[in-house]
Amino acid sequence: MDKMPITPDGFIFLQDELKRLKNDERPKIIKMIEFARSLGDLSENAEYETAKDRQAFNDKRINELETKLSSCVVIDPNDIKNKSKLIFGLSFEIEDLDSGEKKVYQLLGPEESSPEKGSISIESPLARGVLGREEGDEFIVKTPSGPKEYVLNKIF
């Protein structure tokens, strides 16, 4: 399995979600199943089916989180000293060469990215286009509306 880069905050967030699912959600679901069983005939028991579905969803998410956490490589952006090339964790400013519009993003892992909050996943097309570039480099990103040209203005 490939290693997934993640910030310390992102790693803690995933750990906290895993703990919540195991320590809070799982016991609640078990109680829901016990209650539904007490109602009698399970073949036509909607409460039982709902609880079992919720249990399956919860268990699936627990397995996903355990797999992700085992493949994480924690990288603290504060420890990155060399900012000559854009790498995971760093922030950057790009400029659309057609419109002149400038945007600032931080390059994070898929579990932490939130474009509306200014962070993009290293797996996104934009990130793949800009990753490893230096300030002043121009690059092209394939978008659904066609290729877009950008320049990497600043790394910080």
C-alpha atoms as a PDB file:
ATOM      1  CA  MET A   1       0.000   0.000   0.000  1.00  0.00           C
ATOM      2  CA  ASP A   2       1.204   3.513  -0.796  1.00  0.00           C
ATOM      3  CA  LYS A   3       2.085   5.779   2.075  1.00  0.00           C
ATOM      4  CA  MET A   4      -0.291   8.707   2.554  1.00  0.00           C
ATOM      5  CA  PRO A   5       1.197  12.018   3.701  1.00  0.00           C
ATOM      6  CA  ILE A   6      -0.753  13.761   6.428  1.00  0.00           C
ATOM      7  CA  THR A   7      -0.188  16.649   8.822  1.00  0.00           C
ATOM      8  CA  PRO A   8      -0.075  16.057  12.588  1.00  0.00           C
ATOM      9  CA  ASP A   9      -3.504  17.734  12.916  1.00  0.00           C
ATOM     10  CA  GLY A  10      -4.953  15.510  10.192  1.00  0.00           C
ATOM     11  CA  PHE A  11      -3.546  12.402  11.852  1.00  0.00           C
ATOM     12  CA  ILE A  12      -5.053  13.382  15.207  1.00  0.00           C
ATOM     13  CA  PHE A  13      -8.394  14.105  13.510  1.00  0.00           C
ATOM     14  CA  LEU A  14      -8.480  10.581  12.015  1.00  0.00           C
ATOM     15  CA  GLN A  15      -7.453   9.023  15.337  1.00  0.00           C
ATOM     16  CA  ASP A  16     -10.201  10.943  17.135  1.00  0.00           C
ATOM     17  CA  GLU A  17     -12.805   9.816  14.607  1.00  0.00           C
ATOM     18  CA  LEU A  18     -11.676   6.199  15.006  1.00  0.00           C
ATOM     19  CA  LYS A  19     -11.895   6.432  18.817  1.00  0.00           C
ATOM     20  CA  ARG A  20     -15.371   7.984  18.587  1.00  0.00           C
ATOM     21  CA  LEU A  21     -16.633   5.257  16.265  1.00  0.00           C
ATOM     22  CA  LYS A  22     -15.229   2.484  18.454  1.00  0.00           C
ATOM     23  CA  ASN A  23     -15.949   3.923  21.903  1.00  0.00           C
ATOM     24  CA  ASP A  24     -19.179   5.877  21.368  1.00  0.00           C
ATOM     25  CA  GLU A  25     -20.949   4.745  18.209  1.00  0.00           C
ATOM     26  CA  ARG A  26     -20.324   1.003  18.484  1.00  0.00           C
ATOM     27  CA  PRO A  27     -21.859   0.699  22.009  1.00  0.00           C
ATOM     28  CA  LYS A  28     -24.867   2.816  20.931  1.00  0.00           C
ATOM     29  CA  ILE A  29     -25.448   0.551  17.942  1.00  0.00           C
ATOM     30  CA  ILE A  30     -25.185  -2.567  20.085  1.00  0.00           C
ATOM     31  CA  LYS A  31     -27.861  -1.156  22.384  1.00  0.00           C
ATOM     32  CA  MET A  32     -30.039  -0.360  19.369  1.00  0.00           C
ATOM     33  CA  ILE A  33     -29.703  -3.959  18.150  1.00  0.00           C
ATOM     34  CA  GLU A  34     -30.494  -5.363  21.603  1.00  0.00           C
ATOM     35  CA  PHE A  35     -33.590  -3.179  21.843  1.00  0.00           C
ATOM     36  CA  ALA A  36     -34.741  -4.158  18.359  1.00  0.00           C
ATOM     37  CA  ARG A  37     -34.301  -7.854  19.197  1.00  0.00           C
ATOM     38  CA  SER A  38     -36.460  -7.380  22.282  1.00  0.00           C
ATOM     39  CA  LEU A  39     -39.339  -6.287  20.039  1.00  0.00           C
ATOM     40  CA  GLY A  40     -39.746  -9.795  18.693  1.00  0.00           C
ATOM     41  CA  ASP A  41     -39.894 -11.083  15.098  1.00  0.00           C
ATOM     42  CA  LEU A  42     -36.686  -9.939  13.369  1.00  0.00           C
ATOM     43  CA  SER A  43     -37.902 -10.714   9.838  1.00  0.00           C
ATOM     44  CA  GLU A  44     -40.211  -7.680   9.781  1.00  0.00           C
ATOM     45  CA  ASN A  45     -38.420  -5.504  12.302  1.00  0.00           C
ATOM     46  CA  ALA A  46     -37.438  -2.164  10.742  1.00  0.00           C
ATOM     47  CA  GLU A  47     -35.565  -1.060  13.867  1.00  0.00           C
ATOM     48  CA  TYR A  48     -33.406  -4.180  13.686  1.00  0.00           C
ATOM     49  CA  GLU A  49     -32.633  -3.674   9.976  1.00  0.00           C
ATOM     50  CA  THR A  50     -31.761  -0.019  10.556  1.00  0.00           C
ATOM     51  CA  ALA A  51     -29.457  -0.897  13.450  1.00  0.00           C
ATOM     52  CA  LYS A  52     -27.735  -3.639  11.451  1.00  0.00           C
ATOM     53  CA  ASP A  53     -27.227  -1.251   8.512  1.00  0.00           C
ATOM     54  CA  ARG A  54     -25.781   1.346  10.860  1.00  0.00           C
ATOM     55  CA  GLN A  55     -23.495  -1.298  12.353  1.00  0.00           C
ATOM     56  CA  ALA A  56     -22.233  -2.312   8.902  1.00  0.00           C
ATOM     57  CA  PHE A  57     -21.571   1.325   7.967  1.00  0.00           C
ATOM     58  CA  ASN A  58     -19.764   1.981  11.254  1.00  0.00           C
ATOM     59  CA  ASP A  59     -17.620  -1.157  10.928  1.00  0.00           C
ATOM     60  CA  LYS A  60     -16.723  -0.274   7.347  1.00  0.00           C
ATOM     61  CA  ARG A  61     -15.603   3.225   8.363  1.00  0.00           C
ATOM     62  CA  ILE A  62     -13.570   1.791  11.268  1.00  0.00           C
ATOM     63  CA  ASN A  63     -11.774  -0.531   8.830  1.00  0.00           C
ATOM     64  CA  GLU A  64     -11.138   2.366   6.416  1.00  0.00           C
ATOM     65  CA  LEU A  65      -9.697   4.536   9.174  1.00  0.00           C
ATOM     66  CA  GLU A  66      -7.480   1.751  10.535  1.00  0.00           C
ATOM     67  CA  THR A  67      -6.118   1.113   7.036  1.00  0.00           C
ATOM     68  CA  LYS A  68      -5.515   4.820   6.395  1.00  0.00           C
ATOM     69  CA  LEU A  69      -3.857   5.391   9.757  1.00  0.00           C
ATOM     70  CA  SER A  70      -1.528   2.435   9.213  1.00  0.00           C
ATOM     71  CA  SER A  71      -0.395   3.883   5.881  1.00  0.00           C
ATOM     72  CA  CYS A  72       0.080   7.494   7.039  1.00  0.00           C
ATOM     73  CA  VAL A  73       3.363   9.328   7.019  1.00  0.00           C
ATOM     74  CA  VAL A  74       3.068  12.339   9.319  1.00  0.00           C
ATOM     75  CA  ILE A  75       4.733  15.443   7.905  1.00  0.00           C
ATOM     76  CA  ASP A  76       4.704  18.669   9.877  1.00  0.00           C
ATOM     77  CA  PRO A  77       4.675  21.648   7.479  1.00  0.00           C
ATOM     78  CA  ASN A  78       6.366  23.730  10.209  1.00  0.00           C
ATOM     79  CA  ASP A  79       9.449  21.499   9.919  1.00  0.00           C
ATOM     80  CA  ILE A  80       9.918  22.128   6.179  1.00  0.00           C
ATOM     81  CA  LYS A  81      12.870  24.453   5.772  1.00  0.00           C
ATOM     82  CA  ASN A  82      13.609  24.170   2.037  1.00  0.00           C
ATOM     83  CA  LYS A  83      10.797  25.908   0.206  1.00  0.00           C
ATOM     84  CA  SER A  84      12.467  26.154  -3.183  1.00  0.00           C
ATOM     85  CA  LYS A  85      10.146  23.492  -4.652  1.00  0.00           C
ATOM     86  CA  LEU A  86       6.494  22.931  -3.864  1.00  0.00           C
ATOM     87  CA  ILE A  87       5.972  19.819  -1.747  1.00  0.00           C
ATOM     88  CA  PHE A  88       3.299  18.430   0.576  1.00  0.00           C
ATOM     89  CA  GLY A  89       2.325  20.759   3.402  1.00  0.00           C
ATOM     90  CA  LEU A  90       3.472  24.003   1.835  1.00  0.00           C
ATOM     91  CA  SER A  91       1.201  26.862   0.811  1.00  0.00           C
ATOM     92  CA  PHE A  92       1.428  28.535  -2.551  1.00  0.00           C
ATOM     93  CA  GLU A  93      -0.029  31.232  -4.763  1.00  0.00           C
ATOM     94  CA  ILE A  94      -0.900  30.543  -8.385  1.00  0.00           C
ATOM     95  CA  GLU A  95      -2.120  32.869 -11.085  1.00  0.00           C
ATOM     96  CA  ASP A  96      -4.383  31.953 -13.979  1.00  0.00           C
ATOM     97  CA  LEU A  97      -2.506  33.243 -17.019  1.00  0.00           C
ATOM     98  CA  ASP A  98      -5.731  33.843 -18.977  1.00  0.00           C
ATOM     99  CA  SER A  99      -7.775  35.712 -16.368  1.00  0.00           C
ATOM    100  CA  GLY A 100      -5.050  37.005 -14.064  1.00  0.00           C
ATOM    101  CA  GLU A 101      -6.969  35.566 -11.090  1.00  0.00           C
ATOM    102  CA  LYS A 102      -4.751  34.624  -8.150  1.00  0.00           C
ATOM    103  CA  LYS A 103      -5.484  31.898  -5.615  1.00  0.00           C
ATOM    104  CA  VAL A 104      -3.701  30.650  -2.523  1.00  0.00           C
ATOM    105  CA  TYR A 105      -3.806  27.003  -1.426  1.00  0.00           C
ATOM    106  CA  GLN A 106      -2.074  24.631   0.928  1.00  0.00           C
ATOM    107  CA  LEU A 107      -1.113  21.209  -0.432  1.00  0.00           C
ATOM    108  CA  LEU A 108      -2.526  18.527   1.886  1.00  0.00           C
ATOM    109  CA  GLY A 109      -3.554  14.874   1.798  1.00  0.00           C
ATOM    110  CA  PRO A 110      -6.937  13.680   0.561  1.00  0.00           C
ATOM    111  CA  GLU A 111      -8.316  13.299   4.092  1.00  0.00           C
ATOM    112  CA  GLU A 112      -7.526  16.903   5.020  1.00  0.00           C
ATOM    113  CA  SER A 113      -8.160  18.867   1.857  1.00  0.00           C
ATOM    114  CA  SER A 114     -10.942  21.414   1.660  1.00  0.00           C
ATOM    115  CA  PRO A 115     -10.763  23.713  -1.380  1.00  0.00           C
ATOM    116  CA  GLU A 116     -13.329  26.109   0.089  1.00  0.00           C
ATOM    117  CA  LYS A 117     -11.010  26.522   3.092  1.00  0.00           C
ATOM    118  CA  GLY A 118      -7.895  26.969   0.968  1.00  0.00           C
ATOM    119  CA  SER A 119      -6.390  23.493   0.878  1.00  0.00           C
ATOM    120  CA  ILE A 120      -6.258  20.998  -1.975  1.00  0.00           C
ATOM    121  CA  SER A 121      -5.468  17.301  -2.115  1.00  0.00           C
ATOM    122  CA  ILE A 122      -2.120  16.217  -3.499  1.00  0.00           C
ATOM    123  CA  GLU A 123      -4.182  13.845  -5.647  1.00  0.00           C
ATOM    124  CA  SER A 124      -6.098  16.670  -7.390  1.00  0.00           C
ATOM    125  CA  PRO A 125      -5.275  17.620 -10.987  1.00  0.00           C
ATOM    126  CA  LEU A 126      -4.115  21.085  -9.913  1.00  0.00           C
ATOM    127  CA  ALA A 127      -1.794  19.625  -7.283  1.00  0.00           C
ATOM    128  CA  ARG A 128      -0.345  17.100  -9.722  1.00  0.00           C
ATOM    129  CA  GLY A 129       0.364  19.982 -12.092  1.00  0.00           C
ATOM    130  CA  VAL A 130       2.088  22.195  -9.545  1.00  0.00           C
ATOM    131  CA  LEU A 131       3.817  19.616  -7.307  1.00  0.00           C
ATOM    132  CA  GLY A 132       7.608  19.871  -7.496  1.00  0.00           C
ATOM    133  CA  ARG A 133       7.554  23.212  -9.305  1.00  0.00           C
ATOM    134  CA  GLU A 134       9.554  26.297  -8.367  1.00  0.00           C
ATOM    135  CA  GLU A 135       8.453  29.922  -8.113  1.00  0.00           C
ATOM    136  CA  GLY A 136       7.995  31.403 -11.582  1.00  0.00           C
ATOM    137  CA  ASP A 137       7.293  28.033 -13.249  1.00  0.00           C
ATOM    138  CA  GLU A 138       4.400  27.918 -15.675  1.00  0.00           C
ATOM    139  CA  PHE A 139       2.310  24.768 -15.953  1.00  0.00           C
ATOM    140  CA  ILE A 140      -0.841  23.457 -17.587  1.00  0.00           C
ATOM    141  CA  VAL A 141      -3.701  21.680 -15.824  1.00  0.00           C
ATOM    142  CA  LYS A 142      -6.267  19.655 -17.732  1.00  0.00           C
ATOM    143  CA  THR A 143      -9.748  20.672 -16.582  1.00  0.00           C
ATOM    144  CA  PRO A 144     -13.219  19.607 -17.746  1.00  0.00           C
ATOM    145  CA  SER A 145     -13.483  22.920 -19.608  1.00  0.00           C
ATOM    146  CA  GLY A 146     -10.107  22.429 -21.282  1.00  0.00           C
ATOM    147  CA  PRO A 147      -6.474  23.067 -20.384  1.00  0.00           C
ATOM    148  CA  LYS A 148      -5.681  26.037 -18.125  1.00  0.00           C
ATOM    149  CA  GLU A 149      -2.309  27.707 -17.859  1.00  0.00           C
ATOM    150  CA  TYR A 150      -0.977  28.879 -14.510  1.00  0.00           C
ATOM    151  CA  VAL A 151       2.167  30.343 -13.056  1.00  0.00           C
ATOM    152  CA  LEU A 152       3.413  29.485  -9.574  1.00  0.00           C
ATOM    153  CA  ASN A 153       3.940  32.934  -8.067  1.00  0.00           C
ATOM    154  CA  LYS A 154       4.972  32.131  -4.529  1.00  0.00           C
ATOM    155  CA  ILE A 155       5.749  29.232  -2.174  1.00  0.00           C
ATOM    156  CA  PHE A 156       5.435  29.798   1.571  1.00  0.00           C
END
